[in-house]
Amino acid sequence: MLREYLLEQPALFSKTIQVRGRKQKSPAKTRGRRQPRQSREAEVVVRVGRVTLRPPWRADRKLPPVTVNVVLVSEVNPPPGDQPGRMAAADEPADRQRGAGAADHPVLLCSVDD
């Protein structure tokens, strides 16, 4: 759901980056992150959005929803046989950040797979 929302957002910008090659981590695994790949250049596009996350249920108290800014970096036109790389990061909006350096540390960074 989050991935679909971010993919609907307009592209903020695109950039060519270097993707490092890697060796296969385990012969039994079929997940994309465990497969070998060659070093190459990749064209990525950056999209941003703001979402409100529902809090987890707690028996002893009611937690408030949290609104975060989310960034999706996704690869455009990966080589045949390679899965497109996607990463998402979230951070509190600037008006909610607490303490010095809060903007330097995302609260969420994850791979976003199909």
N, C-alpha and C. Protein backbone atom coordinates (compact mmCIF):
# COMPACT_ATOMS: atom_id res chain seq x y z
N MET A 1 0.81 -1.18 0.00
CA MET A 1 0.00 0.00 0.00
C MET A 1 0.87 1.26 0.00
N LEU A 2 1.88 1.31 0.85
CA LEU A 2 2.78 2.46 0.89
C LEU A 2 3.54 2.58 -0.43
N ARG A 3 4.03 1.45 -0.93
CA ARG A 3 4.78 1.47 -2.19
C ARG A 3 3.91 2.00 -3.32
N GLU A 4 2.66 1.52 -3.40
CA GLU A 4 1.76 1.97 -4.46
C GLU A 4 1.50 3.47 -4.35
N TYR A 5 1.29 3.96 -3.12
CA TYR A 5 1.06 5.39 -2.90
C TYR A 5 2.26 6.19 -3.40
N LEU A 6 3.47 5.76 -3.04
CA LEU A 6 4.66 6.50 -3.44
C LEU A 6 4.89 6.44 -4.95
N LEU A 7 4.61 5.30 -5.57
CA LEU A 7 4.77 5.20 -7.01
C LEU A 7 3.79 6.08 -7.77
N GLU A 8 2.68 6.47 -7.15
CA GLU A 8 1.71 7.38 -7.76
C GLU A 8 2.16 8.84 -7.67
N GLN A 9 3.12 9.15 -6.79
CA GLN A 9 3.58 10.53 -6.61
C GLN A 9 4.44 10.95 -7.79
N PRO A 10 4.44 12.25 -8.13
CA PRO A 10 5.29 12.70 -9.23
C PRO A 10 6.77 12.56 -8.86
N ALA A 11 7.60 12.33 -9.87
CA ALA A 11 9.04 12.22 -9.64
C ALA A 11 9.60 13.58 -9.24
N LEU A 12 10.38 13.60 -8.15
CA LEU A 12 11.02 14.83 -7.71
C LEU A 12 12.25 15.11 -8.56
N PHE A 13 13.08 14.07 -8.78
CA PHE A 13 14.21 14.17 -9.69
C PHE A 13 14.72 12.76 -10.00
N SER A 14 15.62 12.67 -10.99
CA SER A 14 16.25 11.39 -11.31
C SER A 14 17.76 11.60 -11.33
N LYS A 15 18.50 10.50 -11.17
CA LYS A 15 19.96 10.59 -11.08
C LYS A 15 20.55 9.24 -11.48
N THR A 16 21.75 9.27 -12.04
CA THR A 16 22.48 8.05 -12.35
C THR A 16 23.43 7.76 -11.19
N ILE A 17 23.39 6.53 -10.68
CA ILE A 17 24.22 6.15 -9.55
C ILE A 17 25.01 4.89 -9.90
N GLN A 18 26.02 4.56 -9.12
CA GLN A 18 26.79 3.33 -9.25
C GLN A 18 26.19 2.27 -8.33
N VAL A 19 25.90 1.08 -8.85
CA VAL A 19 25.42 -0.05 -8.06
C VAL A 19 26.57 -1.04 -7.96
N ARG A 20 26.95 -1.39 -6.74
CA ARG A 20 28.05 -2.33 -6.54
C ARG A 20 27.63 -3.75 -6.87
N GLY A 21 28.56 -4.50 -7.42
CA GLY A 21 28.32 -5.92 -7.66
C GLY A 21 28.41 -6.68 -6.35
N ARG A 22 27.94 -7.92 -6.35
CA ARG A 22 28.02 -8.76 -5.15
C ARG A 22 28.02 -10.22 -5.56
N LYS A 23 28.58 -11.04 -4.67
CA LYS A 23 28.59 -12.49 -4.87
C LYS A 23 27.30 -13.07 -4.30
N GLN A 24 26.94 -14.25 -4.77
CA GLN A 24 25.75 -14.92 -4.25
C GLN A 24 25.98 -15.29 -2.79
N LYS A 25 25.01 -15.00 -1.92
CA LYS A 25 25.17 -15.25 -0.49
C LYS A 25 24.86 -16.68 -0.09
N SER A 26 23.89 -17.30 -0.76
CA SER A 26 23.51 -18.66 -0.41
C SER A 26 22.89 -19.32 -1.63
N PRO A 27 23.35 -20.51 -2.00
CA PRO A 27 22.81 -21.14 -3.21
C PRO A 27 21.33 -21.53 -3.10
N ALA A 28 20.81 -21.69 -1.91
CA ALA A 28 19.43 -22.12 -1.74
C ALA A 28 18.44 -20.97 -1.77
N LYS A 29 18.89 -19.77 -1.67
CA LYS A 29 18.00 -18.62 -1.59
C LYS A 29 17.66 -18.10 -2.98
N THR A 30 16.42 -17.68 -3.18
CA THR A 30 15.99 -17.12 -4.45
C THR A 30 15.64 -15.65 -4.35
N ARG A 31 15.67 -15.10 -3.13
CA ARG A 31 15.34 -13.68 -2.97
C ARG A 31 16.36 -12.82 -3.71
N GLY A 32 15.89 -11.71 -4.26
CA GLY A 32 16.72 -10.82 -5.06
C GLY A 32 17.97 -10.32 -4.35
N ARG A 33 17.87 -10.00 -3.07
CA ARG A 33 19.01 -9.45 -2.34
C ARG A 33 20.10 -10.48 -2.12
N ARG A 34 19.82 -11.75 -2.32
CA ARG A 34 20.83 -12.79 -2.11
C ARG A 34 21.46 -13.28 -3.41
N GLN A 35 20.99 -12.76 -4.54
CA GLN A 35 21.50 -13.19 -5.83
C GLN A 35 22.71 -12.35 -6.24
N PRO A 36 23.62 -12.93 -7.04
CA PRO A 36 24.79 -12.17 -7.49
C PRO A 36 24.37 -11.11 -8.50
N ARG A 37 25.20 -10.07 -8.63
CA ARG A 37 24.96 -9.07 -9.67
C ARG A 37 26.28 -8.41 -10.03
N GLN A 38 26.33 -7.89 -11.24
CA GLN A 38 27.50 -7.18 -11.73
C GLN A 38 27.43 -5.71 -11.31
N SER A 39 28.58 -5.08 -11.12
CA SER A 39 28.62 -3.64 -10.88
C SER A 39 28.12 -2.94 -12.15
N ARG A 40 27.37 -1.87 -11.97
CA ARG A 40 26.81 -1.17 -13.13
C ARG A 40 26.31 0.20 -12.71
N GLU A 41 25.97 1.01 -13.72
CA GLU A 41 25.30 2.27 -13.46
C GLU A 41 23.80 2.02 -13.49
N ALA A 42 23.06 2.77 -12.67
CA ALA A 42 21.61 2.62 -12.64
C ALA A 42 20.97 4.01 -12.62
N GLU A 43 19.89 4.14 -13.34
CA GLU A 43 19.11 5.37 -13.32
C GLU A 43 18.03 5.21 -12.24
N VAL A 44 18.00 6.12 -11.28
CA VAL A 44 16.99 6.05 -10.22
C VAL A 44 16.14 7.30 -10.24
N VAL A 45 14.91 7.15 -9.76
CA VAL A 45 13.99 8.28 -9.65
C VAL A 45 13.58 8.39 -8.18
N VAL A 46 13.43 9.63 -7.72
CA VAL A 46 13.09 9.90 -6.32
C VAL A 46 11.69 10.48 -6.25
N ARG A 47 10.86 9.88 -5.38
CA ARG A 47 9.50 10.35 -5.14
C ARG A 47 9.32 10.57 -3.65
N VAL A 48 8.49 11.53 -3.28
CA VAL A 48 8.26 11.83 -1.86
C VAL A 48 6.77 11.93 -1.58
N GLY A 49 6.40 11.71 -0.33
CA GLY A 49 5.02 11.86 0.10
C GLY A 49 4.97 11.99 1.61
N ARG A 50 3.82 12.29 2.12
CA ARG A 50 3.60 12.38 3.57
C ARG A 50 2.47 11.43 3.92
N VAL A 51 2.70 10.59 4.93
CA VAL A 51 1.69 9.62 5.34
C VAL A 51 1.50 9.68 6.85
N THR A 52 0.32 9.29 7.28
CA THR A 52 0.03 9.19 8.71
C THR A 52 -0.06 7.71 9.07
N LEU A 53 0.74 7.31 10.04
CA LEU A 53 0.78 5.92 10.48
C LEU A 53 -0.12 5.72 11.69
N ARG A 54 -0.92 4.68 11.65
CA ARG A 54 -1.77 4.35 12.79
C ARG A 54 -0.90 3.78 13.91
N PRO A 55 -1.20 4.14 15.13
CA PRO A 55 -0.40 3.61 16.24
C PRO A 55 -0.77 2.18 16.57
N PRO A 56 0.14 1.45 17.20
CA PRO A 56 -0.20 0.10 17.64
C PRO A 56 -1.18 0.16 18.81
N TRP A 57 -1.97 -0.87 18.98
CA TRP A 57 -2.92 -0.93 20.08
C TRP A 57 -2.17 -1.19 21.38
N ARG A 58 -2.56 -0.50 22.42
CA ARG A 58 -2.01 -0.70 23.76
C ARG A 58 -3.17 -0.79 24.74
N ALA A 59 -3.13 -1.75 25.64
CA ALA A 59 -4.21 -1.93 26.61
C ALA A 59 -4.23 -0.80 27.64
N ASP A 60 -3.06 -0.27 27.97
CA ASP A 60 -2.97 0.71 29.06
C ASP A 60 -3.07 2.16 28.62
N ARG A 61 -2.99 2.43 27.29
CA ARG A 61 -3.05 3.83 26.83
C ARG A 61 -3.36 3.89 25.33
N LYS A 62 -3.76 5.04 24.90
CA LYS A 62 -4.04 5.27 23.48
C LYS A 62 -2.91 6.13 22.91
N LEU A 63 -2.21 5.62 21.93
CA LEU A 63 -1.12 6.35 21.30
C LEU A 63 -1.64 7.17 20.14
N PRO A 64 -1.04 8.33 19.88
CA PRO A 64 -1.49 9.17 18.77
C PRO A 64 -0.93 8.68 17.44
N PRO A 65 -1.61 8.98 16.34
CA PRO A 65 -1.05 8.68 15.02
C PRO A 65 0.21 9.54 14.81
N VAL A 66 1.10 9.07 13.94
CA VAL A 66 2.34 9.79 13.65
C VAL A 66 2.38 10.08 12.15
N THR A 67 2.60 11.33 11.80
CA THR A 67 2.74 11.72 10.40
C THR A 67 4.23 11.79 10.07
N VAL A 68 4.62 11.14 8.96
CA VAL A 68 6.03 11.12 8.55
C VAL A 68 6.14 11.49 7.08
N ASN A 69 7.28 12.04 6.72
CA ASN A 69 7.64 12.25 5.32
C ASN A 69 8.31 10.97 4.85
N VAL A 70 7.97 10.51 3.64
CA VAL A 70 8.51 9.26 3.12
C VAL A 70 9.16 9.53 1.76
N VAL A 71 10.33 8.93 1.55
CA VAL A 71 11.07 9.07 0.30
C VAL A 71 11.22 7.68 -0.30
N LEU A 72 10.93 7.55 -1.58
CA LEU A 72 11.14 6.30 -2.31
C LEU A 72 12.15 6.54 -3.42
N VAL A 73 13.21 5.75 -3.43
CA VAL A 73 14.21 5.78 -4.50
C VAL A 73 14.06 4.46 -5.25
N SER A 74 13.71 4.52 -6.52
CA SER A 74 13.50 3.29 -7.28
C SER A 74 14.25 3.34 -8.60
N GLU A 75 14.74 2.17 -9.02
CA GLU A 75 15.51 2.06 -10.24
C GLU A 75 14.58 2.03 -11.45
N VAL A 76 15.00 2.72 -12.50
CA VAL A 76 14.25 2.77 -13.76
C VAL A 76 14.95 1.86 -14.76
N ASN A 77 14.22 1.01 -15.43
CA ASN A 77 14.76 0.13 -16.48
C ASN A 77 15.98 -0.68 -16.05
N PRO A 78 15.82 -1.58 -15.07
CA PRO A 78 16.95 -2.44 -14.69
C PRO A 78 17.30 -3.39 -15.84
N PRO A 79 18.53 -3.90 -15.85
CA PRO A 79 18.90 -4.85 -16.91
C PRO A 79 18.01 -6.09 -16.87
N PRO A 80 17.82 -6.75 -18.02
CA PRO A 80 17.01 -7.98 -18.04
C PRO A 80 17.55 -8.99 -17.03
N GLY A 81 16.65 -9.60 -16.27
CA GLY A 81 17.03 -10.59 -15.27
C GLY A 81 17.32 -10.01 -13.90
N ASP A 82 17.53 -8.71 -13.80
CA ASP A 82 17.76 -8.07 -12.50
C ASP A 82 16.46 -7.48 -11.99
N GLN A 83 16.27 -7.55 -10.67
CA GLN A 83 15.11 -6.90 -10.07
C GLN A 83 15.43 -5.42 -9.85
N PRO A 84 14.44 -4.54 -10.02
CA PRO A 84 14.71 -3.12 -9.78
C PRO A 84 15.00 -2.89 -8.30
N GLY A 85 15.98 -2.05 -8.03
CA GLY A 85 16.28 -1.69 -6.66
C GLY A 85 15.32 -0.62 -6.17
N ARG A 86 14.83 -0.78 -4.94
CA ARG A 86 13.95 0.23 -4.33
C ARG A 86 14.30 0.36 -2.87
N MET A 87 14.38 1.59 -2.39
CA MET A 87 14.60 1.85 -0.98
C MET A 87 13.63 2.95 -0.55
N ALA A 88 13.13 2.84 0.67
CA ALA A 88 12.24 3.85 1.22
C ALA A 88 12.82 4.32 2.55
N ALA A 89 12.65 5.60 2.85
CA ALA A 89 13.07 6.15 4.13
C ALA A 89 11.98 7.08 4.62
N ALA A 90 11.81 7.14 5.92
CA ALA A 90 10.79 8.03 6.51
C ALA A 90 11.44 8.84 7.62
N ASP A 91 10.95 10.05 7.80
CA ASP A 91 11.45 10.92 8.85
C ASP A 91 10.30 11.81 9.30
N GLU A 92 10.35 12.23 10.54
CA GLU A 92 9.32 13.14 11.03
C GLU A 92 9.41 14.46 10.28
N PRO A 93 8.28 15.12 10.04
CA PRO A 93 8.32 16.45 9.43
C PRO A 93 9.14 17.41 10.30
N ALA A 94 9.75 18.40 9.67
CA ALA A 94 10.66 19.32 10.36
C ALA A 94 10.01 20.00 11.56
N ASP A 95 8.71 20.27 11.50
CA ASP A 95 8.05 20.94 12.61
C ASP A 95 7.86 20.04 13.82
N ARG A 96 8.14 18.72 13.69
CA ARG A 96 7.97 17.78 14.80
C ARG A 96 9.29 17.21 15.31
N GLN A 97 10.41 17.52 14.64
CA GLN A 97 11.68 16.94 15.03
C GLN A 97 12.13 17.48 16.38
N ARG A 98 12.76 16.57 17.13
CA ARG A 98 13.20 16.93 18.47
C ARG A 98 14.70 16.85 18.57
N GLY A 99 15.31 17.88 19.12
CA GLY A 99 16.74 17.83 19.42
C GLY A 99 17.62 18.10 18.21
N ALA A 100 18.86 18.45 18.49
CA ALA A 100 19.83 18.74 17.45
C ALA A 100 20.15 17.47 16.67
N GLY A 101 20.26 17.60 15.36
CA GLY A 101 20.63 16.48 14.52
C GLY A 101 19.50 15.51 14.22
N ALA A 102 18.28 15.81 14.65
CA ALA A 102 17.18 14.89 14.42
C ALA A 102 16.94 14.64 12.94
N ALA A 103 17.19 15.65 12.11
CA ALA A 103 16.95 15.51 10.67
C ALA A 103 17.96 14.57 10.02
N ASP A 104 19.08 14.29 10.68
CA ASP A 104 20.12 13.46 10.10
C ASP A 104 19.83 11.97 10.20
N HIS A 105 18.82 11.55 10.96
CA HIS A 105 18.58 10.15 11.22
C HIS A 105 17.16 9.75 10.86
N PRO A 106 16.97 9.05 9.71
CA PRO A 106 15.61 8.61 9.39
C PRO A 106 15.11 7.63 10.44
N VAL A 107 13.81 7.64 10.66
CA VAL A 107 13.22 6.73 11.63
C VAL A 107 12.90 5.38 10.99
N LEU A 108 12.96 5.28 9.66
CA LEU A 108 12.67 4.04 8.96
C LEU A 108 13.48 4.01 7.69
N LEU A 109 14.14 2.90 7.44
CA LEU A 109 14.84 2.70 6.17
C LEU A 109 14.68 1.23 5.82
N CYS A 110 14.07 0.95 4.68
CA CYS A 110 13.83 -0.45 4.35
C CYS A 110 13.82 -0.66 2.85
N SER A 111 14.03 -1.88 2.47
CA SER A 111 13.91 -2.28 1.08
C SER A 111 12.43 -2.48 0.79
N VAL A 112 11.99 -2.04 -0.35
CA VAL A 112 10.58 -2.16 -0.72
C VAL A 112 10.49 -3.10 -1.90
N ASP A 113 10.05 -4.35 -1.64
CA ASP A 113 9.99 -5.37 -2.67
C ASP A 113 8.58 -5.52 -3.20
N ASP A 114 8.48 -6.08 -4.42
CA ASP A 114 7.17 -6.35 -5.01
C ASP A 114 6.51 -7.49 -4.29
